[in-house]
N, C-alpha and C. Protein backbone atom coordinates (compact mmCIF):
# COMPACT_ATOMS: atom_id res chain seq x y z
N MET A 1 44.92 50.12 53.74
CA MET A 1 45.76 49.14 54.38
C MET A 1 45.18 48.79 55.75
N ILE A 2 45.36 47.54 56.13
CA ILE A 2 44.90 47.08 57.43
C ILE A 2 46.13 46.86 58.31
N TYR A 3 46.12 47.54 59.45
CA TYR A 3 47.23 47.43 60.39
C TYR A 3 46.77 46.75 61.68
N CYS A 4 47.69 46.13 62.35
CA CYS A 4 47.47 45.56 63.68
C CYS A 4 46.35 44.53 63.71
N THR A 5 46.28 43.69 62.72
CA THR A 5 45.26 42.64 62.74
C THR A 5 45.80 41.35 63.32
N ARG A 6 47.10 41.19 63.38
CA ARG A 6 47.71 39.99 63.94
C ARG A 6 48.93 40.37 64.77
N LEU A 7 49.09 39.64 65.82
CA LEU A 7 50.28 39.84 66.64
C LEU A 7 51.35 38.85 66.20
N ASP A 8 52.58 39.29 66.24
CA ASP A 8 53.66 38.41 65.90
C ASP A 8 54.66 38.41 67.04
N PRO A 9 54.87 37.37 67.75
CA PRO A 9 54.26 36.05 67.64
C PRO A 9 52.85 36.05 68.25
N PRO A 10 52.02 35.06 67.88
CA PRO A 10 50.67 35.01 68.43
C PRO A 10 50.70 34.74 69.94
N VAL A 11 49.76 35.30 70.66
CA VAL A 11 49.71 35.14 72.11
C VAL A 11 48.41 34.47 72.54
N TYR A 12 48.41 33.92 73.73
CA TYR A 12 47.24 33.26 74.28
C TYR A 12 46.60 34.15 75.34
N PRO A 13 45.31 33.97 75.59
CA PRO A 13 44.64 34.77 76.64
C PRO A 13 44.93 34.21 78.03
N THR A 14 46.19 34.35 78.47
CA THR A 14 46.60 33.73 79.73
C THR A 14 45.84 34.26 80.95
N PRO A 15 45.39 35.52 80.99
CA PRO A 15 44.59 35.93 82.16
C PRO A 15 43.30 35.12 82.30
N VAL A 16 42.71 34.73 81.18
CA VAL A 16 41.51 33.89 81.24
C VAL A 16 41.87 32.52 81.78
N TYR A 17 42.96 31.94 81.29
CA TYR A 17 43.40 30.64 81.77
C TYR A 17 43.72 30.70 83.27
N GLU A 18 44.41 31.75 83.67
CA GLU A 18 44.77 31.90 85.08
C GLU A 18 43.54 32.04 85.96
N SER A 19 42.56 32.79 85.51
CA SER A 19 41.33 32.95 86.28
C SER A 19 40.60 31.63 86.45
N LEU A 20 40.50 30.87 85.38
CA LEU A 20 39.84 29.57 85.46
C LEU A 20 40.58 28.63 86.42
N MET A 21 41.90 28.64 86.33
CA MET A 21 42.68 27.78 87.22
C MET A 21 42.59 28.26 88.67
N ALA A 22 42.56 29.57 88.89
CA ALA A 22 42.46 30.10 90.25
C ALA A 22 41.12 29.72 90.88
N PHE A 23 40.04 29.80 90.11
CA PHE A 23 38.74 29.39 90.65
C PHE A 23 38.71 27.89 90.94
N THR A 24 39.36 27.11 90.09
CA THR A 24 39.43 25.66 90.32
C THR A 24 40.24 25.36 91.58
N ILE A 25 41.37 26.02 91.73
CA ILE A 25 42.19 25.83 92.93
C ILE A 25 41.40 26.25 94.17
N GLY A 26 40.69 27.36 94.08
CA GLY A 26 39.87 27.82 95.20
C GLY A 26 38.80 26.80 95.58
N ALA A 27 38.17 26.20 94.58
CA ALA A 27 37.14 25.19 94.85
C ALA A 27 37.74 23.96 95.51
N ILE A 28 38.92 23.54 95.04
CA ILE A 28 39.59 22.38 95.64
C ILE A 28 39.96 22.69 97.09
N LEU A 29 40.53 23.85 97.34
CA LEU A 29 40.91 24.22 98.71
C LEU A 29 39.69 24.35 99.61
N PHE A 30 38.60 24.86 99.06
CA PHE A 30 37.36 24.97 99.82
C PHE A 30 36.87 23.58 100.22
N GLY A 31 37.02 22.61 99.33
CA GLY A 31 36.64 21.24 99.64
C GLY A 31 37.57 20.58 100.65
N LEU A 32 38.82 20.98 100.66
CA LEU A 32 39.80 20.38 101.57
C LEU A 32 39.84 21.02 102.95
N ARG A 33 39.12 22.11 103.14
CA ARG A 33 39.24 22.84 104.40
C ARG A 33 38.81 22.01 105.60
N GLY A 34 37.83 21.14 105.46
CA GLY A 34 37.41 20.30 106.57
C GLY A 34 38.40 19.20 106.88
N ILE A 35 38.99 18.64 105.84
CA ILE A 35 39.96 17.56 106.01
C ILE A 35 41.23 18.06 106.68
N THR A 36 41.64 19.28 106.36
CA THR A 36 42.90 19.81 106.89
C THR A 36 42.72 20.61 108.17
N ARG A 37 41.54 20.58 108.75
CA ARG A 37 41.28 21.38 109.95
C ARG A 37 42.20 21.00 111.11
N GLY A 38 42.57 19.75 111.23
CA GLY A 38 43.45 19.32 112.31
C GLY A 38 44.93 19.56 112.05
N TYR A 39 45.25 20.10 110.89
CA TYR A 39 46.64 20.35 110.52
C TYR A 39 46.84 21.83 110.22
N PRO A 40 47.10 22.65 111.23
CA PRO A 40 47.26 24.08 111.00
C PRO A 40 48.38 24.37 109.99
N GLY A 41 48.09 25.16 108.99
CA GLY A 41 49.07 25.54 107.97
C GLY A 41 49.08 24.64 106.75
N MET A 42 48.44 23.49 106.85
CA MET A 42 48.46 22.54 105.73
C MET A 42 47.77 23.12 104.49
N LEU A 43 46.65 23.80 104.67
CA LEU A 43 45.92 24.35 103.54
C LEU A 43 46.75 25.38 102.78
N PHE A 44 47.53 26.18 103.51
CA PHE A 44 48.41 27.16 102.88
C PHE A 44 49.47 26.49 102.03
N PHE A 45 50.08 25.43 102.56
CA PHE A 45 51.12 24.74 101.80
C PHE A 45 50.55 24.00 100.59
N ILE A 46 49.32 23.49 100.72
CA ILE A 46 48.66 22.88 99.56
C ILE A 46 48.39 23.95 98.50
N TYR A 47 48.00 25.14 98.95
CA TYR A 47 47.82 26.26 98.01
C TYR A 47 49.13 26.56 97.28
N LEU A 48 50.24 26.58 98.00
CA LEU A 48 51.52 26.84 97.35
C LEU A 48 51.84 25.78 96.31
N LEU A 49 51.52 24.53 96.59
CA LEU A 49 51.71 23.45 95.62
C LEU A 49 50.93 23.74 94.34
N PHE A 50 49.63 23.99 94.50
CA PHE A 50 48.78 24.24 93.34
C PHE A 50 49.18 25.51 92.60
N ASN A 51 49.49 26.57 93.35
CA ASN A 51 49.86 27.83 92.72
C ASN A 51 51.17 27.69 91.95
N GLY A 52 52.11 26.94 92.49
CA GLY A 52 53.37 26.70 91.79
C GLY A 52 53.16 25.95 90.49
N MET A 53 52.31 24.92 90.52
CA MET A 53 52.01 24.17 89.29
C MET A 53 51.30 25.06 88.27
N GLU A 54 50.32 25.81 88.74
CA GLU A 54 49.56 26.69 87.83
C GLU A 54 50.48 27.72 87.17
N ARG A 55 51.30 28.35 87.96
CA ARG A 55 52.21 29.38 87.43
C ARG A 55 53.22 28.77 86.47
N PHE A 56 53.74 27.60 86.78
CA PHE A 56 54.73 26.96 85.92
C PHE A 56 54.13 26.69 84.54
N PHE A 57 52.94 26.10 84.50
CA PHE A 57 52.36 25.73 83.22
C PHE A 57 51.80 26.92 82.45
N ILE A 58 51.34 27.95 83.14
CA ILE A 58 50.84 29.13 82.43
C ILE A 58 51.99 29.86 81.76
N GLU A 59 53.17 29.78 82.35
CA GLU A 59 54.33 30.45 81.76
C GLU A 59 54.86 29.72 80.52
N LYS A 60 54.43 28.49 80.31
CA LYS A 60 54.82 27.76 79.10
C LYS A 60 54.25 28.41 77.84
N VAL A 61 53.07 29.04 77.96
CA VAL A 61 52.44 29.63 76.78
C VAL A 61 52.67 31.14 76.67
N ARG A 62 53.31 31.73 77.66
CA ARG A 62 53.61 33.16 77.60
C ARG A 62 54.91 33.40 76.86
N ILE A 63 55.04 34.62 76.37
CA ILE A 63 56.26 35.02 75.66
C ILE A 63 57.14 35.77 76.66
N ASN A 64 58.13 35.09 77.21
CA ASN A 64 59.06 35.68 78.17
C ASN A 64 60.48 35.25 77.82
N GLU A 65 61.42 35.97 78.39
CA GLU A 65 62.82 35.64 78.17
C GLU A 65 63.17 34.37 78.94
N VAL A 66 63.85 33.46 78.26
CA VAL A 66 64.23 32.18 78.86
C VAL A 66 65.67 32.28 79.35
N TYR A 67 65.89 31.80 80.59
CA TYR A 67 67.22 31.81 81.19
C TYR A 67 67.74 30.38 81.28
N SER A 68 69.02 30.22 81.14
CA SER A 68 69.63 28.91 81.28
C SER A 68 70.29 28.83 82.65
N PHE A 69 69.83 27.87 83.46
CA PHE A 69 70.37 27.70 84.80
C PHE A 69 70.41 26.21 85.11
N LEU A 70 71.59 25.70 85.40
CA LEU A 70 71.79 24.27 85.70
C LEU A 70 71.22 23.37 84.60
N GLY A 71 71.40 23.77 83.38
CA GLY A 71 70.95 22.97 82.25
C GLY A 71 69.47 23.05 81.94
N THR A 72 68.75 23.97 82.59
CA THR A 72 67.32 24.13 82.31
C THR A 72 67.09 25.43 81.57
N GLY A 73 66.12 25.45 80.72
CA GLY A 73 65.73 26.67 80.03
C GLY A 73 64.37 27.11 80.53
N LEU A 74 64.37 27.91 81.60
CA LEU A 74 63.13 28.34 82.23
C LEU A 74 63.07 29.85 82.30
N THR A 75 61.85 30.37 82.41
CA THR A 75 61.68 31.80 82.60
C THR A 75 61.82 32.12 84.09
N GLN A 76 61.91 33.41 84.39
CA GLN A 76 62.05 33.83 85.78
C GLN A 76 60.82 33.40 86.59
N ALA A 77 59.63 33.53 86.01
CA ALA A 77 58.41 33.14 86.71
C ALA A 77 58.36 31.63 86.94
N GLN A 78 58.94 30.85 86.05
CA GLN A 78 58.97 29.41 86.26
C GLN A 78 59.93 29.03 87.39
N PHE A 79 61.04 29.75 87.53
CA PHE A 79 61.92 29.52 88.67
C PHE A 79 61.18 29.81 89.98
N ILE A 80 60.43 30.90 90.00
CA ILE A 80 59.64 31.24 91.18
C ILE A 80 58.59 30.18 91.43
N ALA A 81 57.95 29.69 90.37
CA ALA A 81 56.93 28.65 90.51
C ALA A 81 57.51 27.36 91.08
N VAL A 82 58.68 26.98 90.62
CA VAL A 82 59.33 25.78 91.16
C VAL A 82 59.65 25.98 92.63
N THR A 83 60.11 27.18 93.00
CA THR A 83 60.40 27.48 94.40
C THR A 83 59.13 27.38 95.24
N LEU A 84 58.02 27.96 94.76
CA LEU A 84 56.75 27.87 95.50
C LEU A 84 56.32 26.42 95.66
N PHE A 85 56.45 25.63 94.60
CA PHE A 85 56.07 24.23 94.66
C PHE A 85 56.91 23.48 95.69
N LEU A 86 58.22 23.72 95.69
CA LEU A 86 59.10 23.04 96.63
C LEU A 86 58.82 23.46 98.08
N ILE A 87 58.53 24.74 98.30
CA ILE A 87 58.16 25.20 99.64
C ILE A 87 56.86 24.53 100.07
N GLY A 88 55.89 24.47 99.17
CA GLY A 88 54.63 23.81 99.49
C GLY A 88 54.81 22.34 99.79
N LEU A 89 55.62 21.67 99.00
CA LEU A 89 55.89 20.24 99.21
C LEU A 89 56.59 20.02 100.54
N GLY A 90 57.62 20.81 100.80
CA GLY A 90 58.34 20.69 102.07
C GLY A 90 57.45 20.99 103.27
N GLY A 91 56.60 22.00 103.13
CA GLY A 91 55.69 22.35 104.23
C GLY A 91 54.66 21.29 104.51
N THR A 92 54.09 20.70 103.48
CA THR A 92 53.09 19.64 103.70
C THR A 92 53.75 18.42 104.34
N VAL A 93 54.93 18.05 103.88
CA VAL A 93 55.63 16.91 104.47
C VAL A 93 55.98 17.21 105.93
N TRP A 94 56.45 18.42 106.21
CA TRP A 94 56.82 18.81 107.56
C TRP A 94 55.62 18.76 108.50
N ILE A 95 54.49 19.32 108.09
CA ILE A 95 53.29 19.32 108.93
C ILE A 95 52.77 17.89 109.10
N TRP A 96 52.78 17.11 108.04
CA TRP A 96 52.31 15.73 108.12
C TRP A 96 53.13 14.93 109.11
N ARG A 97 54.46 15.03 109.02
CA ARG A 97 55.34 14.29 109.94
C ARG A 97 55.20 14.79 111.37
N LYS A 98 55.05 16.09 111.52
CA LYS A 98 54.89 16.68 112.84
C LYS A 98 53.64 16.12 113.54
N HIS A 99 52.57 15.96 112.81
CA HIS A 99 51.33 15.44 113.40
C HIS A 99 51.33 13.93 113.51
N GLN A 100 52.16 13.23 112.74
CA GLN A 100 52.25 11.79 112.88
C GLN A 100 52.98 11.41 114.16
N LYS A 101 53.93 12.25 114.59
CA LYS A 101 54.67 11.98 115.81
C LYS A 101 53.82 12.23 117.04
N SER A 102 52.83 13.14 116.95
CA SER A 102 51.99 13.48 118.10
C SER A 102 51.01 12.40 118.44
């Protein structure tokens, strides 16, 4: 008899996907470092934007418990990802407006 030849349900190699996305995000941030030099903290908030998007979409293919909150069916990690994205969005807007007034 052959045992353990298939997983039920089938899973994806999400660490590989995450690594590829992390290197891509790192390359983008490395390219943006000169542009954001005059905006202290902007690069961090851009990172939060990208990290939130990456985490949200990687959790779509993972097998996790789904919670219902305000009519959404999201995992705990997706709630955290949305929070990171919103903090990043708010931070970039805040820094941008702060420097536009100066």
